[in-house]
Amino acid sequence: MTVDLSPEIIRLLLVLATTIAAHFAARMFIRRIEKATALTSNIWDDALIEAARRPLPFFIWLTGTFFVLRLIHMQTGERLLEYVAEAQMVSVVACIAWFLIRLTHSVADSVAKAQSINGVEVDRTTIDGLSKLIRVTILLISALVILQSLGFSVSGVLAFGGVGGIAIGFAARDMLANFFGGLMIHLDRPFNVGEKIRSPEKQIEGTVEYIGWRHTRLRADNTNVIYVPNSVFTSIVVENITRMSNRRIQETIGLRYEDIGKADVIAAEIKSMLASHPSIDASRDIIVAFDRFADSALNLTLITFTNKILATEFHATKHDILLKIAAIIARHGADFAYPTQTVHIAKEVL
C-alpha cells in the first residue's frame, strides 16, 4: 500500500524533520562544548554556554515554525498569515534580548564566583548594579527595535516619551524616587550586601541582604525582615557599622570619697592594663582620668578603643576589661561608691 503525499506536505515534513534534527544537534553541540570548557578557567565560555542553553533551542523551533507558516501562506494565501514576517522579527529580537539578559546574569555570577575562589573580596553591590543597568538597557533597546520593525516611528515614540514623561513623572514620582535612590546606592556604595547599617533617626538597623531598584531588604538582629524604600536613604544619615575601624568603650567608674588618696594610682594602673591588653588599639588615645566630684562618688572617666569589630568579640573584650578594673580597685583596698546620704541631726540647745 502506497501513500501519495503532495509536494506541499513533503515540504512541511522536511521542514519539521530539519527543525527536530537542528534541535538535537544544538543540544549535543552545547553538551560537547560544555565538557570541553569545563577544564578552562575562562568565565566567558561558561557564561555563553549557560546563556544559550535555553534560547538557542527555542530560536530553532521559532525559525522552523515561521518557515512552515510561510509555506502555508504561499499555498493557501491566508490573509492572517501576511503578518508572519513582522511576528518573526519580533520573535527574533525577543530571543536575542533573552540571550543577552541571560548572558549578563551569567557573567555577573561567574565574576562573583571567580573573585570568591581567588580570595578577592566580592563587591556584590556593584556587580548586581551593573548587571541590572545592562539588563534594563537591553530591554529598552529591544522594545525600540520591535516598535521600529512594526512600523512605528522611534523618533515619534521618543518625542511622545519626552512629553508624556512629565505626566508619568508626577504620577509615579515615588517610584522614580526609589529608582534614583537605588541608583545612588549602586554608584556611591554607602553600604554593600552583607554589611550592617544603622540609622538612629529612623530607628533602622540590620544587615543588608538585598539592594533592588525599589527597596533595600535588611535583616534585623531579632531576625525580622525590614524593607526600606530606596528614596529614604537619600535624606537620612546612615552609619555603616561593618566599616568601622574600632569600637569604643566609654565608662564612668565611681569610687568612694574615702578612696580619694588612691584615685591617682588606680587610674594609672587601669591605663597601664588597657595599654597592654591585646584587644585594645594602643595607637589610639587611652583616657583614664579623674573627671568630677559627683554627689556620692569620685568619678573616673574611661575612654578606649578596641580592635574588635564583631559584637560578640567586642562584648567579650569589654567583659574582660571591666572584671580586671574591678580586681585593680579591690587590690588597692578601694571600692565602688553607692548612692548614699548623710543626715546630720543638730542637738537642741536648752
Protein backbone atom coordinates (compact mmCIF):
# COMPACT_ATOMS: atom_id res chain seq x y z
CA MET A 1 0.00 0.00 0.00
CA THR A 2 1.44 3.30 -1.07
CA VAL A 3 0.64 6.72 0.31
CA ASP A 4 0.78 9.58 -2.11
CA LEU A 5 1.92 12.78 -0.49
CA SER A 6 1.54 16.12 -2.14
CA PRO A 7 4.68 18.25 -2.66
CA GLU A 8 3.33 20.72 -0.09
CA ILE A 9 3.03 18.07 2.60
CA ILE A 10 6.51 16.80 1.77
CA ARG A 11 7.91 20.29 2.18
CA LEU A 12 6.24 20.66 5.56
CA LEU A 13 7.54 17.28 6.72
CA LEU A 14 11.05 18.17 5.57
CA VAL A 15 10.95 21.45 7.49
CA LEU A 16 9.69 19.62 10.59
CA ALA A 17 12.40 16.95 10.31
CA THR A 18 15.07 19.59 9.76
CA THR A 19 13.88 21.53 12.81
CA ILE A 20 13.93 18.44 15.01
CA ALA A 21 17.39 17.48 13.75
CA ALA A 22 18.68 21.02 14.33
CA HIS A 23 17.22 20.98 17.85
CA PHE A 24 19.01 17.77 18.82
CA ALA A 25 22.22 18.89 17.07
CA ALA A 26 22.17 22.13 19.06
CA ARG A 27 21.67 20.25 22.35
CA MET A 28 24.56 17.87 21.54
CA PHE A 29 26.76 20.80 20.49
CA ILE A 30 26.09 22.61 23.79
CA ARG A 31 26.86 19.46 25.80
CA ARG A 32 30.17 18.87 23.98
CA ILE A 33 31.23 22.49 24.27
CA GLU A 34 30.33 22.43 27.96
CA LYS A 35 32.55 19.40 28.55
CA ALA A 36 35.40 21.00 26.62
CA THR A 37 35.22 24.29 28.52
CA ALA A 38 34.81 22.67 31.93
CA LEU A 39 38.59 22.31 32.13
CA THR A 40 39.27 26.00 31.42
CA SER A 41 39.25 28.89 33.89
CA ASN A 42 37.77 31.38 31.44
CA ILE A 43 34.45 32.71 32.74
CA TRP A 44 33.19 33.89 29.36
CA ASP A 45 32.80 30.48 27.73
CA ASP A 46 30.82 29.14 30.69
CA ALA A 47 28.62 32.24 30.66
CA LEU A 48 27.97 31.92 26.91
CA ILE A 49 27.01 28.26 27.20
CA GLU A 50 24.68 28.89 30.13
CA ALA A 51 23.09 31.88 28.36
CA ALA A 52 22.49 29.93 25.12
CA ARG A 53 21.22 26.73 26.75
CA ARG A 54 17.52 27.66 26.51
CA PRO A 55 17.26 30.48 23.92
CA LEU A 56 19.08 28.54 21.17
CA PRO A 57 16.65 25.56 21.00
CA PHE A 58 13.73 27.96 21.31
CA PHE A 59 15.11 30.05 18.42
CA ILE A 60 15.46 26.92 16.27
CA TRP A 61 11.82 25.95 16.86
CA LEU A 62 10.70 29.51 16.16
CA THR A 63 12.59 29.53 12.87
CA GLY A 64 11.06 26.21 11.82
CA THR A 65 7.57 27.32 12.86
CA PHE A 66 7.73 30.57 10.91
CA PHE A 67 9.13 28.75 7.86
CA VAL A 68 6.14 26.41 7.98
CA LEU A 69 3.77 29.36 8.30
CA ARG A 70 5.38 31.00 5.25
CA LEU A 71 4.87 27.80 3.24
CA ILE A 72 1.24 27.60 4.32
CA HIS A 73 0.75 31.25 3.36
CA MET A 74 2.23 30.61 -0.08
CA GLN A 75 -0.03 27.59 -0.56
CA THR A 76 -3.30 28.96 0.80
CA GLY A 77 -2.96 32.73 0.59
CA GLU A 78 -4.43 33.10 4.08
CA ARG A 79 -4.63 36.84 4.85
CA LEU A 80 -3.93 36.34 8.55
CA LEU A 81 -0.52 34.91 7.67
CA GLU A 82 0.55 38.12 5.97
CA TYR A 83 1.96 39.28 9.33
CA VAL A 84 4.33 36.33 9.65
CA ALA A 85 7.36 38.48 8.74
CA GLU A 86 6.61 41.03 11.47
CA ALA A 87 5.94 38.31 14.02
CA GLN A 88 9.20 36.61 13.08
CA MET A 89 11.14 39.87 13.52
CA VAL A 90 9.60 40.43 16.96
CA SER A 91 10.37 36.85 17.97
CA VAL A 92 13.99 37.08 16.79
CA VAL A 93 14.56 40.33 18.69
CA ALA A 94 12.93 38.81 21.79
CA CYS A 95 15.19 35.73 21.57
CA ILE A 96 18.31 37.88 21.20
CA ALA A 97 17.25 40.03 24.15
CA TRP A 98 16.56 36.88 26.19
CA PHE A 99 20.03 35.55 25.34
CA LEU A 100 21.76 38.84 26.21
CA ILE A 101 19.89 39.15 29.52
CA ARG A 102 20.83 35.59 30.47
CA LEU A 103 24.41 36.29 29.38
CA THR A 104 24.57 39.39 31.59
CA HIS A 105 23.24 37.44 34.56
CA SER A 106 25.63 34.53 33.93
CA VAL A 107 28.65 36.82 33.58
CA ALA A 108 27.76 38.59 36.85
CA ASP A 109 27.50 35.27 38.70
CA SER A 110 30.72 33.98 37.11
CA VAL A 111 32.66 37.13 38.02
CA ALA A 112 31.47 36.97 41.63
CA LYS A 113 32.30 33.25 41.83
CA ALA A 114 35.76 33.73 40.29
CA GLN A 115 36.61 36.54 42.71
CA SER A 116 35.46 34.43 45.65
CA ILE A 117 37.58 31.46 44.53
CA ASN A 118 40.66 33.67 44.07
CA GLY A 119 40.25 35.12 47.56
CA VAL A 120 39.30 38.59 46.28
CA GLU A 121 36.63 40.50 48.18
CA VAL A 122 33.40 40.27 46.18
CA ASP A 123 31.71 43.64 45.64
CA ARG A 124 28.28 42.15 45.06
CA THR A 125 26.55 45.52 45.14
CA THR A 126 28.49 46.89 42.17
CA ILE A 127 28.19 43.65 40.22
CA ASP A 128 24.43 43.47 40.73
CA GLY A 129 24.01 47.17 40.00
CA LEU A 130 25.87 47.00 36.66
CA SER A 131 24.05 43.78 35.75
CA LYS A 132 20.65 45.36 36.38
CA LEU A 133 21.57 48.51 34.47
CA ILE A 134 22.71 46.49 31.44
CA ARG A 135 19.55 44.38 31.51
CA VAL A 136 17.33 47.46 31.63
CA THR A 137 19.27 48.92 28.68
CA ILE A 138 18.82 45.68 26.70
CA LEU A 139 15.07 45.72 27.34
CA LEU A 140 14.73 49.36 26.28
CA ILE A 141 16.74 48.87 23.08
CA SER A 142 14.80 45.68 22.25
CA ALA A 143 11.50 47.50 22.74
CA LEU A 144 12.61 50.30 20.40
CA VAL A 145 13.76 47.81 17.74
CA ILE A 146 10.45 45.94 17.97
CA LEU A 147 8.48 49.17 17.61
CA GLN A 148 10.59 50.16 14.61
CA SER A 149 10.06 46.75 12.98
CA LEU A 150 6.28 47.08 13.47
CA GLY A 151 6.26 50.35 11.57
CA PHE A 152 6.18 52.81 14.44
CA SER A 153 8.40 55.87 14.27
CA VAL A 154 11.00 55.62 17.02
CA SER A 155 11.59 59.37 16.90
CA GLY A 156 7.88 59.92 17.44
CA VAL A 157 7.87 57.47 20.33
CA LEU A 158 10.84 59.25 21.92
CA ALA A 159 9.15 62.64 21.43
CA PHE A 160 5.96 61.30 22.98
CA GLY A 161 8.04 59.89 25.82
CA GLY A 162 9.52 63.33 26.43
CA VAL A 163 6.07 64.90 26.72
CA GLY A 164 4.44 62.02 28.49
CA GLY A 165 7.41 61.60 30.80
CA ILE A 166 6.37 64.75 32.64
CA ALA A 167 2.92 63.38 33.38
CA ILE A 168 4.33 59.97 34.24
CA GLY A 169 6.89 61.63 36.50
CA PHE A 170 4.17 63.32 38.55
CA ALA A 171 2.09 60.15 38.71
CA ALA A 172 4.98 57.86 39.62
CA ARG A 173 7.30 60.22 41.49
CA ASP A 174 7.62 57.86 44.45
CA MET A 175 8.62 55.01 42.16
CA LEU A 176 11.11 57.24 40.34
CA ALA A 177 12.48 58.50 43.66
CA ASN A 178 13.07 54.90 44.74
CA PHE A 179 14.69 54.10 41.38
CA PHE A 180 17.13 57.01 41.56
CA GLY A 181 17.72 56.28 45.24
CA GLY A 182 18.74 52.74 44.28
CA LEU A 183 20.94 54.13 41.50
CA MET A 184 22.72 56.38 44.00
CA ILE A 185 23.27 53.42 46.33
CA HIS A 186 24.88 51.45 43.49
CA LEU A 187 27.05 54.41 42.45
CA ASP A 188 28.07 55.84 45.85
CA ARG A 189 28.10 52.48 47.66
CA PRO A 190 27.46 53.71 51.21
CA PHE A 191 26.84 50.04 52.02
CA ASN A 192 27.04 46.69 50.28
CA VAL A 193 25.20 43.41 50.60
CA GLY A 194 26.30 41.64 53.78
CA GLU A 195 27.17 44.82 55.70
CA LYS A 196 25.39 46.00 58.83
CA ILE A 197 23.97 49.53 58.80
CA ARG A 198 22.08 51.74 61.22
CA SER A 199 20.09 54.97 61.05
CA PRO A 200 19.37 56.35 64.54
CA GLU A 201 16.89 58.97 63.31
CA LYS A 202 14.69 56.35 61.60
CA GLN A 203 15.43 53.55 64.10
CA ILE A 204 16.61 51.31 61.28
CA GLU A 205 19.30 48.73 61.96
CA GLY A 206 20.14 45.45 60.28
CA THR A 207 22.31 43.51 57.86
CA VAL A 208 21.80 44.28 54.17
CA GLU A 209 20.50 41.22 52.30
CA TYR A 210 19.33 42.70 49.01
CA ILE A 211 19.57 46.04 47.17
CA GLY A 212 16.92 46.43 44.49
CA TRP A 213 15.76 49.32 42.34
CA ARG A 214 12.70 49.94 44.54
CA HIS A 215 13.68 48.86 48.04
CA THR A 216 16.53 47.54 50.18
CA ARG A 217 15.97 44.50 52.39
CA LEU A 218 17.58 44.35 55.82
CA ARG A 219 17.71 41.55 58.39
CA ALA A 220 17.40 42.90 61.93
CA ASP A 221 19.19 41.38 64.93
CA ASN A 222 15.91 39.77 66.02
CA THR A 223 15.76 38.13 62.52
CA ASN A 224 12.86 40.35 61.41
CA VAL A 225 12.97 41.46 57.77
CA ILE A 226 12.93 45.23 57.15
CA TYR A 227 12.00 46.63 53.72
CA VAL A 228 13.25 50.20 53.28
CA PRO A 229 12.31 52.28 50.20
CA ASN A 230 15.47 53.46 48.48
CA SER A 231 14.29 57.08 48.49
CA VAL A 232 14.65 57.07 52.30
CA PHE A 233 18.44 56.69 52.03
CA THR A 234 18.74 59.99 50.12
CA SER A 235 17.50 62.00 53.11
CA ILE A 236 18.82 60.23 56.21
CA VAL A 237 22.18 59.66 57.87
CA VAL A 238 23.33 56.05 57.60
CA GLU A 239 26.01 54.54 59.82
CA ASN A 240 27.91 51.63 58.30
CA ILE A 241 28.74 49.51 61.33
CA THR A 242 30.69 46.93 59.34
CA ARG A 243 33.18 49.51 58.07
CA MET A 244 34.11 50.88 61.49
CA SER A 245 37.78 50.52 62.35
CA ASN A 246 37.32 50.33 66.13
CA ARG A 247 34.63 50.02 68.78
CA ARG A 248 34.72 52.42 71.71
CA ILE A 249 34.44 51.57 75.39
CA GLN A 250 33.29 54.56 77.43
CA GLU A 251 32.53 54.06 81.11
CA THR A 252 32.30 56.07 84.32
CA ILE A 253 33.88 54.46 87.38
CA GLY A 254 32.62 55.78 90.70
CA LEU A 255 34.96 55.47 93.72
CA ARG A 256 34.13 56.25 97.35
CA TYR A 257 35.13 59.65 98.70
CA GLU A 258 37.34 57.99 101.30
CA ASP A 259 39.38 56.49 98.42
CA ILE A 260 40.45 59.86 97.01
CA GLY A 261 44.07 59.22 98.01
CA LYS A 262 44.06 56.05 95.87
CA ALA A 263 42.34 57.52 92.79
CA ASP A 264 45.58 58.53 91.07
CA VAL A 265 47.32 55.16 91.40
CA ILE A 266 44.15 53.26 90.44
CA ALA A 267 43.73 55.37 87.30
CA ALA A 268 47.39 54.84 86.35
CA GLU A 269 47.17 51.05 86.78
CA ILE A 270 43.93 50.82 84.80
CA LYS A 271 45.53 52.81 81.97
CA SER A 272 48.60 50.54 82.00
CA MET A 273 46.36 47.47 81.89
CA LEU A 274 44.47 48.86 78.88
CA ALA A 275 47.68 49.77 77.04
CA SER A 276 48.95 46.19 77.31
CA HIS A 277 45.61 44.48 76.58
CA PRO A 278 45.76 42.55 73.25
CA SER A 279 42.25 43.64 72.24
CA ILE A 280 42.84 47.36 72.79
CA ASP A 281 44.14 49.58 69.99
CA ALA A 282 47.14 51.17 71.69
CA SER A 283 47.68 53.54 68.76
CA ARG A 284 44.61 55.49 69.78
CA ASP A 285 44.21 57.67 72.86
CA ILE A 286 43.53 55.86 76.13
CA ILE A 287 41.90 58.11 78.70
CA VAL A 288 41.56 57.15 82.35
CA ALA A 289 41.26 60.30 84.46
CA PHE A 290 39.55 61.80 87.49
CA ASP A 291 36.56 63.58 85.98
CA ARG A 292 34.48 65.23 88.71
CA PHE A 293 33.15 65.20 92.23
CA ALA A 294 29.75 63.58 91.97
CA ASP A 295 27.05 63.58 94.65
CA SER A 296 28.08 60.21 96.06
CA ALA A 297 31.28 59.27 94.23
CA LEU A 298 34.59 60.31 92.74
CA ASN A 299 34.01 59.74 89.02
CA LEU A 300 36.83 58.38 86.87
CA THR A 301 36.25 58.62 83.10
CA LEU A 302 37.46 55.71 80.95
CA ILE A 303 37.61 56.01 77.13
CA THR A 304 39.43 53.47 74.98
CA PHE A 305 39.03 51.74 71.61
CA THR A 306 39.06 48.02 70.91
CA ASN A 307 40.25 46.40 67.71
CA LYS A 308 37.30 44.01 67.82
CA ILE A 309 34.50 44.87 65.40
CA LEU A 310 32.12 41.94 65.79
CA ALA A 311 29.60 42.46 68.56
CA THR A 312 30.35 39.12 70.23
CA GLU A 313 34.10 39.78 70.33
CA PHE A 314 33.61 43.38 71.48
CA HIS A 315 31.38 42.44 74.42
CA ALA A 316 33.74 39.63 75.40
CA THR A 317 36.60 42.17 75.47
CA LYS A 318 34.55 44.64 77.48
CA HIS A 319 33.56 41.89 79.91
CA ASP A 320 37.22 41.03 80.49
CA ILE A 321 38.28 44.65 80.93
CA LEU A 322 35.55 45.51 83.43
CA LEU A 323 36.43 42.48 85.57
CA LYS A 324 40.11 43.47 85.53
CA ILE A 325 39.19 47.02 86.59
CA ALA A 326 37.18 45.62 89.50
CA ALA A 327 40.20 43.47 90.51
CA ILE A 328 42.52 46.53 90.40
CA ILE A 329 40.17 48.54 92.61
CA ALA A 330 39.85 45.69 95.11
CA ARG A 331 43.63 45.13 95.16
CA HIS A 332 44.16 48.71 96.33
CA GLY A 333 41.63 48.34 99.14
CA ALA A 334 39.17 50.70 97.45
CA ASP A 335 35.56 50.08 96.47
CA PHE A 336 32.84 51.32 94.20
CA ALA A 337 30.62 54.07 95.51
CA TYR A 338 26.93 53.62 96.09
CA PRO A 339 24.32 56.38 96.30
CA THR A 340 24.32 57.44 99.96
CA GLN A 341 23.01 60.29 102.04
CA THR A 342 24.32 61.55 105.38
CA VAL A 343 21.80 63.09 107.77
CA HIS A 344 23.16 65.46 110.40
CA ILE A 345 20.88 65.90 113.45
CA ALA A 346 21.53 69.09 115.31
CA LYS A 347 21.35 68.98 119.07
CA GLU A 348 18.70 71.19 120.54
CA VAL A 349 20.17 73.81 122.87
CA LEU A 350 18.17 74.15 126.12
